PDB file of N, CA and C in Angstrom:
ATOM      1  N   UNK A   1      -2.036  16.970 -30.396  1.00  0.00           N
ATOM      2  CA  UNK A   1      -1.356  16.528 -29.191  1.00  0.00           C
ATOM      3  C   UNK A   1      -1.367  15.000 -29.152  1.00  0.00           C
ATOM      4  N   UNK A   2      -0.218  14.372 -28.883  1.00  0.00           N
ATOM      5  CA  UNK A   2      -0.180  12.914 -28.874  1.00  0.00           C
ATOM      6  C   UNK A   2      -0.728  12.343 -27.562  1.00  0.00           C
ATOM      7  N   UNK A   3      -0.980  11.031 -27.551  1.00  0.00           N
ATOM      8  CA  UNK A   3      -1.615  10.385 -26.397  1.00  0.00           C
ATOM      9  C   UNK A   3      -0.753  10.450 -25.145  1.00  0.00           C
ATOM     10  N   UNK A   4       0.562  10.290 -25.284  1.00  0.00           N
ATOM     11  CA  UNK A   4       1.452  10.339 -24.122  1.00  0.00           C
ATOM     12  C   UNK A   4       1.405  11.701 -23.443  1.00  0.00           C
ATOM     13  N   UNK A   5       1.369  12.750 -24.228  1.00  0.00           N
ATOM     14  CA  UNK A   5       1.306  14.106 -23.685  1.00  0.00           C
ATOM     15  C   UNK A   5      -0.007  14.324 -22.942  1.00  0.00           C
ATOM     16  N   UNK A   6      -1.105  13.809 -23.472  1.00  0.00           N
ATOM     17  CA  UNK A   6      -2.412  13.944 -22.827  1.00  0.00           C
ATOM     18  C   UNK A   6      -2.422  13.196 -21.499  1.00  0.00           C
ATOM     19  N   UNK A   7      -1.889  11.959 -21.472  1.00  0.00           N
ATOM     20  CA  UNK A   7      -1.853  11.176 -20.236  1.00  0.00           C
ATOM     21  C   UNK A   7      -1.011  11.875 -19.173  1.00  0.00           C
ATOM     22  N   UNK A   8       0.135  12.433 -19.575  1.00  0.00           N
ATOM     23  CA  UNK A   8       1.004  13.126 -18.631  1.00  0.00           C
ATOM     24  C   UNK A   8       0.295  14.348 -18.068  1.00  0.00           C
ATOM     25  N   UNK A   9      -0.409  15.085 -18.902  1.00  0.00           N
ATOM     26  CA  UNK A   9      -1.139  16.260 -18.455  1.00  0.00           C
ATOM     27  C   UNK A   9      -2.231  15.873 -17.474  1.00  0.00           C
ATOM     28  N   UNK A  10      -2.955  14.772 -17.739  1.00  0.00           N
ATOM     29  CA  UNK A  10      -4.003  14.317 -16.829  1.00  0.00           C
ATOM     30  C   UNK A  10      -3.423  13.940 -15.477  1.00  0.00           C
ATOM     31  N   UNK A  11      -2.315  13.202 -15.468  1.00  0.00           N
ATOM     32  CA  UNK A  11      -1.682  12.796 -14.218  1.00  0.00           C
ATOM     33  C   UNK A  11      -1.282  14.009 -13.396  1.00  0.00           C
ATOM     34  N   UNK A  12      -0.653  14.975 -14.030  1.00  0.00           N
ATOM     35  CA  UNK A  12      -0.169  16.134 -13.297  1.00  0.00           C
ATOM     36  C   UNK A  12      -1.302  17.028 -12.830  1.00  0.00           C
ATOM     37  N   UNK A  13      -2.378  17.125 -13.581  1.00  0.00           N
ATOM     38  CA  UNK A  13      -3.506  17.924 -13.112  1.00  0.00           C
ATOM     39  C   UNK A  13      -4.188  17.236 -11.940  1.00  0.00           C
ATOM     40  N   UNK A  14      -4.242  15.900 -11.953  1.00  0.00           N
ATOM     41  CA  UNK A  14      -4.799  15.165 -10.822  1.00  0.00           C
ATOM     42  C   UNK A  14      -3.891  15.285  -9.603  1.00  0.00           C
ATOM     43  N   UNK A  15      -2.593  15.296  -9.805  1.00  0.00           N
ATOM     44  CA  UNK A  15      -1.640  15.412  -8.711  1.00  0.00           C
ATOM     45  C   UNK A  15      -1.786  16.758  -8.005  1.00  0.00           C
ATOM     46  N   UNK A  16      -2.190  17.769  -8.724  1.00  0.00           N
ATOM     47  CA  UNK A  16      -2.404  19.083  -8.134  1.00  0.00           C
ATOM     48  C   UNK A  16      -3.482  19.099  -7.069  1.00  0.00           C
ATOM     49  N   UNK A  17      -4.434  18.185  -7.165  1.00  0.00           N
ATOM     50  CA  UNK A  17      -5.500  18.093  -6.149  1.00  0.00           C
ATOM     51  C   UNK A  17      -4.963  17.606  -4.810  1.00  0.00           C
ATOM     52  N   UNK A  18      -3.822  16.901  -4.826  1.00  0.00           N
ATOM     53  CA  UNK A  18      -3.263  16.326  -3.608  1.00  0.00           C
ATOM     54  C   UNK A  18      -2.204  17.208  -2.955  1.00  0.00           C
ATOM     55  N   UNK A  19      -1.937  18.355  -3.531  1.00  0.00           N
ATOM     56  CA  UNK A  19      -0.915  19.244  -2.978  1.00  0.00           C
ATOM     57  C   UNK A  19      -1.320  19.682  -1.572  1.00  0.00           C
ATOM     58  N   UNK A  20      -0.405  19.514  -0.633  1.00  0.00           N
ATOM     59  CA  UNK A  20      -0.675  19.858   0.757  1.00  0.00           C
ATOM     60  C   UNK A  20      -1.316  18.735   1.548  1.00  0.00           C
ATOM     61  N   UNK A  21      -1.540  17.590   0.916  1.00  0.00           N
ATOM     62  CA  UNK A  21      -2.168  16.450   1.594  1.00  0.00           C
ATOM     63  C   UNK A  21      -1.158  15.319   1.762  1.00  0.00           C
ATOM     64  N   UNK A  22      -1.472  14.407   2.671  1.00  0.00           N
ATOM     65  CA  UNK A  22      -0.608  13.254   2.932  1.00  0.00           C
ATOM     66  C   UNK A  22      -0.798  12.212   1.837  1.00  0.00           C
ATOM     67  N   UNK A  23       0.304  11.821   1.191  1.00  0.00           N
ATOM     68  CA  UNK A  23       0.254  10.800   0.144  1.00  0.00           C
ATOM     69  C   UNK A  23       1.332   9.748   0.397  1.00  0.00           C
ATOM     70  N   UNK A  24       1.162   8.598  -0.230  1.00  0.00           N
ATOM     71  CA  UNK A  24       2.173   7.546  -0.208  1.00  0.00           C
ATOM     72  C   UNK A  24       2.633   7.299  -1.631  1.00  0.00           C
ATOM     73  N   UNK A  25       3.940   7.285  -1.835  1.00  0.00           N
ATOM     74  CA  UNK A  25       4.529   7.029  -3.148  1.00  0.00           C
ATOM     75  C   UNK A  25       5.270   5.701  -3.089  1.00  0.00           C
ATOM     76  N   UNK A  26       4.985   4.823  -4.055  1.00  0.00           N
ATOM     77  CA  UNK A  26       5.674   3.539  -4.165  1.00  0.00           C
ATOM     78  C   UNK A  26       6.594   3.593  -5.378  1.00  0.00           C
ATOM     79  N   UNK A  27       7.811   3.078  -5.199  1.00  0.00           N
ATOM     80  CA  UNK A  27       8.830   3.122  -6.237  1.00  0.00           C
ATOM     81  C   UNK A  27       8.947   1.787  -6.965  1.00  0.00           C
ATOM     82  N   UNK A  28       9.719   1.777  -8.031  1.00  0.00           N
ATOM     83  CA  UNK A  28       9.927   0.590  -8.858  1.00  0.00           C
ATOM     84  C   UNK A  28      10.429  -0.594  -8.034  1.00  0.00           C
ATOM     85  N   UNK A  29      11.296  -0.341  -7.064  1.00  0.00           N
ATOM     86  CA  UNK A  29      11.882  -1.429  -6.272  1.00  0.00           C
ATOM     87  C   UNK A  29      10.970  -1.931  -5.156  1.00  0.00           C
ATOM     88  N   UNK A  30       9.768  -1.359  -5.023  1.00  0.00           N
ATOM     89  CA  UNK A  30       8.807  -1.804  -4.018  1.00  0.00           C
ATOM     90  C   UNK A  30       8.817  -0.994  -2.735  1.00  0.00           C
ATOM     91  N   UNK A  31       9.813  -0.151  -2.539  1.00  0.00           N
ATOM     92  CA  UNK A  31       9.858   0.693  -1.343  1.00  0.00           C
ATOM     93  C   UNK A  31       8.829   1.803  -1.475  1.00  0.00           C
ATOM     94  N   UNK A  32       8.381   2.316  -0.324  1.00  0.00           N
ATOM     95  CA  UNK A  32       7.417   3.410  -0.363  1.00  0.00           C
ATOM     96  C   UNK A  32       7.723   4.416   0.737  1.00  0.00           C
ATOM     97  N   UNK A  33       7.320   5.661   0.509  1.00  0.00           N
ATOM     98  CA  UNK A  33       7.448   6.733   1.489  1.00  0.00           C
ATOM     99  C   UNK A  33       6.106   7.441   1.594  1.00  0.00           C
ATOM    100  N   UNK A  34       5.810   7.910   2.799  1.00  0.00           N
ATOM    101  CA  UNK A  34       4.571   8.634   3.053  1.00  0.00           C
ATOM    102  C   UNK A  34       4.923  10.005   3.602  1.00  0.00           C
ATOM    103  N   UNK A  35       4.293  11.038   3.059  1.00  0.00           N
ATOM    104  CA  UNK A  35       4.544  12.393   3.525  1.00  0.00           C
ATOM    105  C   UNK A  35       3.583  13.371   2.880  1.00  0.00           C
ATOM    106  N   UNK A  36       3.757  14.625   3.215  1.00  0.00           N
ATOM    107  CA  UNK A  36       2.906  15.698   2.700  1.00  0.00           C
ATOM    108  C   UNK A  36       3.479  16.197   1.373  1.00  0.00           C
ATOM    109  N   UNK A  37       2.666  16.161   0.321  1.00  0.00           N
ATOM    110  CA  UNK A  37       3.104  16.623  -1.002  1.00  0.00           C
ATOM    111  C   UNK A  37       3.200  18.142  -0.993  1.00  0.00           C
ATOM    112  N   UNK A  38       4.415  18.644  -1.189  1.00  0.00           N
ATOM    113  CA  UNK A  38       4.595  20.096  -1.188  1.00  0.00           C
ATOM    114  C   UNK A  38       4.719  20.673  -2.589  1.00  0.00           C
ATOM    115  N   UNK A  39       5.317  19.903  -3.510  1.00  0.00           N
ATOM    116  CA  UNK A  39       5.410  20.389  -4.888  1.00  0.00           C
ATOM    117  C   UNK A  39       5.688  19.240  -5.838  1.00  0.00           C
ATOM    118  N   UNK A  40       5.516  19.531  -7.130  1.00  0.00           N
ATOM    119  CA  UNK A  40       5.795  18.575  -8.200  1.00  0.00           C
ATOM    120  C   UNK A  40       6.056  19.365  -9.466  1.00  0.00           C
ATOM    121  N   UNK A  41       6.616  18.699 -10.462  1.00  0.00           N
ATOM    122  CA  UNK A  41       6.884  19.390 -11.720  1.00  0.00           C
ATOM    123  C   UNK A  41       6.250  18.646 -12.887  1.00  0.00           C
ATOM    124  N   UNK A  42       6.501  19.130 -14.102  1.00  0.00           N
ATOM    125  CA  UNK A  42       5.856  18.557 -15.285  1.00  0.00           C
ATOM    126  C   UNK A  42       6.418  17.201 -15.692  1.00  0.00           C
ATOM    127  N   UNK A  43       7.510  16.755 -15.069  1.00  0.00           N
ATOM    128  CA  UNK A  43       8.088  15.445 -15.357  1.00  0.00           C
ATOM    129  C   UNK A  43       7.540  14.391 -14.392  1.00  0.00           C
ATOM    130  N   UNK A  44       6.904  14.819 -13.314  1.00  0.00           N
ATOM    131  CA  UNK A  44       6.361  13.893 -12.326  1.00  0.00           C
ATOM    132  C   UNK A  44       7.207  13.772 -11.078  1.00  0.00           C
ATOM    133  N   UNK A  45       8.285  14.561 -10.986  1.00  0.00           N
ATOM    134  CA  UNK A  45       9.080  14.574  -9.761  1.00  0.00           C
ATOM    135  C   UNK A  45       8.237  15.176  -8.645  1.00  0.00           C
ATOM    136  N   UNK A  46       8.304  14.586  -7.457  1.00  0.00           N
ATOM    137  CA  UNK A  46       7.502  15.051  -6.326  1.00  0.00           C
ATOM    138  C   UNK A  46       8.399  15.369  -5.142  1.00  0.00           C
ATOM    139  N   UNK A  47       8.000  16.363  -4.356  1.00  0.00           N
ATOM    140  CA  UNK A  47       8.708  16.714  -3.130  1.00  0.00           C
ATOM    141  C   UNK A  47       7.762  16.467  -1.964  1.00  0.00           C
ATOM    142  N   UNK A  48       8.222  15.657  -0.997  1.00  0.00           N
ATOM    143  CA  UNK A  48       7.434  15.328   0.191  1.00  0.00           C
ATOM    144  C   UNK A  48       8.114  15.890   1.432  1.00  0.00           C
ATOM    145  N   UNK A  49       7.320  16.340   2.382  1.00  0.00           N
ATOM    146  CA  UNK A  49       7.809  16.797   3.685  1.00  0.00           C
ATOM    147  C   UNK A  49       7.285  15.851   4.750  1.00  0.00           C
ATOM    148  N   UNK A  50       7.972  15.814   5.876  1.00  0.00           N
ATOM    149  CA  UNK A  50       7.575  15.019   7.047  1.00  0.00           C
ATOM    150  C   UNK A  50       7.408  13.544   6.709  1.00  0.00           C
ATOM    151  N   UNK A  51       8.417  12.964   6.104  1.00  0.00           N
ATOM    152  CA  UNK A  51       8.398  11.531   5.785  1.00  0.00           C
ATOM    153  C   UNK A  51       8.897  10.752   6.990  1.00  0.00           C
ATOM    154  N   UNK A  52       8.039   9.937   7.566  1.00  0.00           N
ATOM    155  CA  UNK A  52       8.410   9.152   8.736  1.00  0.00           C
ATOM    156  C   UNK A  52       9.430   8.079   8.435  1.00  0.00           C
ATOM    157  N   UNK A  53       9.445   7.553   7.209  1.00  0.00           N
ATOM    158  CA  UNK A  53      10.351   6.471   6.842  1.00  0.00           C
ATOM    159  C   UNK A  53      11.761   6.963   6.531  1.00  0.00           C
ATOM    160  N   UNK A  54      11.934   8.253   6.376  1.00  0.00           N
ATOM    161  CA  UNK A  54      13.201   8.814   5.923  1.00  0.00           C
ATOM    162  C   UNK A  54      13.943   9.396   7.117  1.00  0.00           C
ATOM    163  N   UNK A  55      15.146   8.894   7.408  1.00  0.00           N
ATOM    164  CA  UNK A  55      15.893   9.285   8.603  1.00  0.00           C
ATOM    165  C   UNK A  55      16.871  10.430   8.380  1.00  0.00           C
ATOM    166  N   UNK A  56      17.113  10.840   7.142  1.00  0.00           N
ATOM    167  CA  UNK A  56      18.213  11.745   6.838  1.00  0.00           C
ATOM    168  C   UNK A  56      17.822  13.213   6.695  1.00  0.00           C
ATOM    169  N   UNK A  57      16.586  13.545   6.874  1.00  0.00           N
ATOM    170  CA  UNK A  57      16.170  14.929   6.740  1.00  0.00           C
ATOM    171  C   UNK A  57      14.662  15.048   6.706  1.00  0.00           C
ATOM    172  N   UNK A  58      14.202  16.255   6.506  1.00  0.00           N
ATOM    173  CA  UNK A  58      12.776  16.531   6.541  1.00  0.00           C
ATOM    174  C   UNK A  58      12.139  16.494   5.163  1.00  0.00           C
ATOM    175  N   UNK A  59      12.926  16.620   4.102  1.00  0.00           N
ATOM    176  CA  UNK A  59      12.403  16.715   2.745  1.00  0.00           C
ATOM    177  C   UNK A  59      12.918  15.565   1.885  1.00  0.00           C
ATOM    178  N   UNK A  60      12.012  14.976   1.088  1.00  0.00           N
ATOM    179  CA  UNK A  60      12.382  13.888   0.180  1.00  0.00           C
ATOM    180  C   UNK A  60      11.970  14.282  -1.231  1.00  0.00           C
ATOM    181  N   UNK A  61      12.889  14.158  -2.184  1.00  0.00           N
ATOM    182  CA  UNK A  61      12.587  14.395  -3.594  1.00  0.00           C
ATOM    183  C   UNK A  61      12.463  13.039  -4.276  1.00  0.00           C
ATOM    184  N   UNK A  62      11.301  12.768  -4.875  1.00  0.00           N
ATOM    185  CA  UNK A  62      11.035  11.493  -5.546  1.00  0.00           C
ATOM    186  C   UNK A  62      11.108  11.714  -7.052  1.00  0.00           C
ATOM    187  N   UNK A  63      11.973  10.981  -7.727  1.00  0.00           N
ATOM    188  CA  UNK A  63      12.119  11.126  -9.175  1.00  0.00           C
ATOM    189  C   UNK A  63      10.925  10.508  -9.890  1.00  0.00           C
ATOM    190  N   UNK A  64      10.352  11.235 -10.813  1.00  0.00           N
ATOM    191  CA  UNK A  64       9.152  10.801 -11.522  1.00  0.00           C
ATOM    192  C   UNK A  64       9.307   9.492 -12.267  1.00  0.00           C
ATOM    193  N   UNK A  65      10.481   9.242 -12.831  1.00  0.00           N
ATOM    194  CA  UNK A  65      10.665   8.021 -13.615  1.00  0.00           C
ATOM    195  C   UNK A  65      10.742   6.771 -12.747  1.00  0.00           C
ATOM    196  N   UNK A  66      10.915   6.913 -11.429  1.00  0.00           N
ATOM    197  CA  UNK A  66      10.991   5.750 -10.545  1.00  0.00           C
ATOM    198  C   UNK A  66       9.697   5.503  -9.773  1.00  0.00           C
ATOM    199  N   UNK A  67       8.687   6.358  -9.964  1.00  0.00           N
ATOM    200  CA  UNK A  67       7.412   6.224  -9.253  1.00  0.00           C
ATOM    201  C   UNK A  67       6.478   5.305 -10.033  1.00  0.00           C
ATOM    202  N   UNK A  68       5.884   4.327  -9.327  1.00  0.00           N
ATOM    203  CA  UNK A  68       4.914   3.446  -9.979  1.00  0.00           C
ATOM    204  C   UNK A  68       3.505   3.625  -9.428  1.00  0.00           C
ATOM    205  N   UNK A  69       3.365   4.193  -8.206  1.00  0.00           N
ATOM    206  CA  UNK A  69       2.049   4.327  -7.591  1.00  0.00           C
ATOM    207  C   UNK A  69       2.032   5.522  -6.657  1.00  0.00           C
ATOM    208  N   UNK A  70       0.946   6.291  -6.715  1.00  0.00           N
ATOM    209  CA  UNK A  70       0.737   7.393  -5.783  1.00  0.00           C
ATOM    210  C   UNK A  70      -0.644   7.217  -5.174  1.00  0.00           C
ATOM    211  N   UNK A  71      -0.708   7.155  -3.836  1.00  0.00           N
ATOM    212  CA  UNK A  71      -1.976   6.956  -3.120  1.00  0.00           C
ATOM    213  C   UNK A  71      -2.209   8.115  -2.167  1.00  0.00           C
ATOM    214  N   UNK A  72      -3.467   8.484  -2.002  1.00  0.00           N
ATOM    215  CA  UNK A  72      -3.839   9.472  -1.000  1.00  0.00           C
ATOM    216  C   UNK A  72      -3.827   8.784   0.355  1.00  0.00           C
ATOM    217  N   UNK A  73      -3.222   9.400   1.359  1.00  0.00           N
ATOM    218  CA  UNK A  73      -3.057   8.831   2.702  1.00  0.00           C
ATOM    219  C   UNK A  73      -2.195   7.584   2.664  1.00  0.00           C
ATOM    220  N   UNK A  74      -2.378   6.716   3.629  1.00  0.00           N
ATOM    221  CA  UNK A  74      -1.595   5.486   3.714  1.00  0.00           C
ATOM    222  C   UNK A  74      -2.379   4.350   3.085  1.00  0.00           C
ATOM    223  N   UNK A  75      -1.771   3.595   2.174  1.00  0.00           N
ATOM    224  CA  UNK A  75      -2.504   2.481   1.558  1.00  0.00           C
ATOM    225  C   UNK A  75      -2.707   1.341   2.551  1.00  0.00           C
ATOM    226  N   UNK A  76      -3.865   0.719   2.469  1.00  0.00           N
ATOM    227  CA  UNK A  76      -4.173  -0.420   3.326  1.00  0.00           C
ATOM    228  C   UNK A  76      -4.079  -1.688   2.506  1.00  0.00           C
ATOM    229  N   UNK A  77      -3.321  -2.645   3.012  1.00  0.00           N
ATOM    230  CA  UNK A  77      -3.186  -3.923   2.325  1.00  0.00           C
ATOM    231  C   UNK A  77      -4.016  -4.944   3.076  1.00  0.00           C
ATOM    232  N   UNK A  78      -4.938  -5.577   2.382  1.00  0.00           N
ATOM    233  CA  UNK A  78      -5.806  -6.573   3.026  1.00  0.00           C
ATOM    234  C   UNK A  78      -5.175  -7.938   3.005  1.00  0.00           C
TER     235      UNK A  78
END
């Protein structure tokens, strides 16, 4: 198994611990959304519910290739 495959597997297994919990996802462009993680796939795509920042519906699908950071709860900037 190559190193990239191992890293991807580790990320996704860690992401499984956050299922059903409030997380914040930051994208390449610096924008972020906070919501409850309902599902994800093997590519890193995530589905969030109850996103306060999103005005167009209750569910947000985040593409894995555009995600740069995933935090549990809301990140605090000092």
